[in-house]
C-alpha atoms as a PDB file:
ATOM      1  CA  UNK A   1       0.047   0.022  -0.052  1.00  0.00           C
ATOM      2  CA  UNK A   2       2.914   2.393   0.794  1.00  0.00           C
ATOM      3  CA  UNK A   3       5.009   1.173  -2.154  1.00  0.00           C
ATOM      4  CA  UNK A   4       3.807   4.031  -4.396  1.00  0.00           C
ATOM      5  CA  UNK A   5       5.173   6.714  -2.029  1.00  0.00           C
ATOM      6  CA  UNK A   6       8.483   7.915  -3.173  1.00  0.00           C
ATOM      7  CA  UNK A   7      11.343   8.282  -0.804  1.00  0.00           C
ATOM      8  CA  UNK A   8      12.163  11.886   0.321  1.00  0.00           C
ATOM      9  CA  UNK A   9      15.417  13.257  -0.977  1.00  0.00           C
ATOM     10  CA  UNK A  10      18.172  13.857   1.535  1.00  0.00           C
ATOM     11  CA  UNK A  11      18.179  17.658   0.961  1.00  0.00           C
ATOM     12  CA  UNK A  12      14.421  18.010   1.497  1.00  0.00           C
ATOM     13  CA  UNK A  13      13.298  20.860   3.770  1.00  0.00           C
ATOM     14  CA  UNK A  14      11.537  19.958   6.970  1.00  0.00           C
ATOM     15  CA  UNK A  15       8.078  21.498   7.395  1.00  0.00           C
ATOM     16  CA  UNK A  16       8.366  24.144  10.140  1.00  0.00           C
ATOM     17  CA  UNK A  17       5.090  23.061  11.606  1.00  0.00           C
ATOM     18  CA  UNK A  18       5.997  19.403  11.868  1.00  0.00           C
ATOM     19  CA  UNK A  19       7.277  19.895  15.469  1.00  0.00           C
ATOM     20  CA  UNK A  20       3.910  21.475  16.464  1.00  0.00           C
ATOM     21  CA  UNK A  21       2.111  18.321  15.135  1.00  0.00           C
ATOM     22  CA  UNK A  22       4.245  16.005  17.283  1.00  0.00           C
ATOM     23  CA  UNK A  23       3.033  14.861  20.618  1.00  0.00           C
ATOM     24  CA  UNK A  24       2.373  17.067  23.564  1.00  0.00           C
ATOM     25  CA  UNK A  25       3.785  16.290  27.005  1.00  0.00           C
ATOM     26  CA  UNK A  26       0.579  14.421  27.769  1.00  0.00           C
ATOM     27  CA  UNK A  27       1.410  11.954  25.009  1.00  0.00           C
ATOM     28  CA  UNK A  28      -1.597  12.998  22.756  1.00  0.00           C
ATOM     29  CA  UNK A  29      -0.896  14.862  19.502  1.00  0.00           C
ATOM     30  CA  UNK A  30      -1.882  18.539  19.694  1.00  0.00           C
ATOM     31  CA  UNK A  31      -3.798  18.246  16.458  1.00  0.00           C
ATOM     32  CA  UNK A  32      -6.071  15.633  18.137  1.00  0.00           C
ATOM     33  CA  UNK A  33      -6.521  17.173  21.501  1.00  0.00           C
ATOM     34  CA  UNK A  34      -5.550  20.772  22.144  1.00  0.00           C
ATOM     35  CA  UNK A  35      -4.256  21.802  25.607  1.00  0.00           C
ATOM     36  CA  UNK A  36      -6.737  22.719  28.277  1.00  0.00           C
ATOM     37  CA  UNK A  37      -7.746  26.335  28.941  1.00  0.00           C
ATOM     38  CA  UNK A  38      -5.848  27.543  32.000  1.00  0.00           C
ATOM     39  CA  UNK A  39      -6.943  30.182  34.437  1.00  0.00           C
ATOM     40  CA  UNK A  40     -10.198  30.928  36.214  1.00  0.00           C
ATOM     41  CA  UNK A  41     -13.424  30.254  34.309  1.00  0.00           C
ATOM     42  CA  UNK A  42     -16.776  31.991  34.554  1.00  0.00           C
ATOM     43  CA  UNK A  43     -19.433  30.523  36.786  1.00  0.00           C
ATOM     44  CA  UNK A  44     -21.907  29.673  33.969  1.00  0.00           C
ATOM     45  CA  UNK A  45     -19.136  27.731  32.205  1.00  0.00           C
ATOM     46  CA  UNK A  46     -18.299  25.678  35.242  1.00  0.00           C
ATOM     47  CA  UNK A  47     -21.970  25.033  36.041  1.00  0.00           C
ATOM     48  CA  UNK A  48     -22.777  23.960  32.466  1.00  0.00           C
ATOM     49  CA  UNK A  49     -19.768  21.589  32.461  1.00  0.00           C
ATOM     50  CA  UNK A  50     -20.880  19.941  35.706  1.00  0.00           C
ATOM     51  CA  UNK A  51     -24.415  19.653  34.509  1.00  0.00           C
ATOM     52  CA  UNK A  52     -23.363  18.065  31.307  1.00  0.00           C
ATOM     53  CA  UNK A  53     -21.045  15.649  33.124  1.00  0.00           C
ATOM     54  CA  UNK A  54     -23.665  14.630  35.619  1.00  0.00           C
ATOM     55  CA  UNK A  55     -26.234  14.165  32.791  1.00  0.00           C
ATOM     56  CA  UNK A  56     -23.886  11.866  30.837  1.00  0.00           C
ATOM     57  CA  UNK A  57     -22.955   9.766  33.878  1.00  0.00           C
ATOM     58  CA  UNK A  58     -26.613   9.399  34.931  1.00  0.00           C
ATOM     59  CA  UNK A  59     -27.770   8.344  31.488  1.00  0.00           C
ATOM     60  CA  UNK A  60     -24.905   5.838  31.219  1.00  0.00           C
ATOM     61  CA  UNK A  61     -25.618   4.493  34.690  1.00  0.00           C
ATOM     62  CA  UNK A  62     -29.251   4.104  33.649  1.00  0.00           C
ATOM     63  CA  UNK A  63     -28.193   1.734  30.925  1.00  0.00           C
ATOM     64  CA  UNK A  64     -29.044   3.904  27.940  1.00  0.00           C
ATOM     65  CA  UNK A  65     -26.573   3.646  25.105  1.00  0.00           C
ATOM     66  CA  UNK A  66     -25.545   7.137  24.014  1.00  0.00           C
ATOM     67  CA  UNK A  67     -24.254   5.965  20.690  1.00  0.00           C
ATOM     68  CA  UNK A  68     -27.707   5.670  19.094  1.00  0.00           C
ATOM     69  CA  UNK A  69     -29.241   8.835  20.490  1.00  0.00           C
ATOM     70  CA  UNK A  70     -32.535   9.542  22.087  1.00  0.00           C
ATOM     71  CA  UNK A  71     -34.461   7.090  19.895  1.00  0.00           C
ATOM     72  CA  UNK A  72     -33.343   4.227  22.076  1.00  0.00           C
ATOM     73  CA  UNK A  73     -34.480   6.127  25.170  1.00  0.00           C
ATOM     74  CA  UNK A  74     -37.931   6.581  23.625  1.00  0.00           C
ATOM     75  CA  UNK A  75     -38.117   2.892  22.799  1.00  0.00           C
ATOM     76  CA  UNK A  76     -37.359   1.954  26.453  1.00  0.00           C
ATOM     77  CA  UNK A  77     -40.211   4.320  27.663  1.00  0.00           C
ATOM     78  CA  UNK A  78     -42.794   2.541  25.500  1.00  0.00           C
END
């Protein structure tokens, strides 16, 4: 599958952004998962994050598969 890719010449220039796409200190590439936002956050942002987290944990603990969306929940209620 990779046989069609030509080898890079020895004098090829390195992309200056290549080091930015390498892995972060956490081991996850920065292109996949950007770093967290540091510093104090507003109250509504913290509250909405906690509400979302509690909702997801509660639904998962209730046995509803979140992959298929609310249609599965409506089928369980019937």
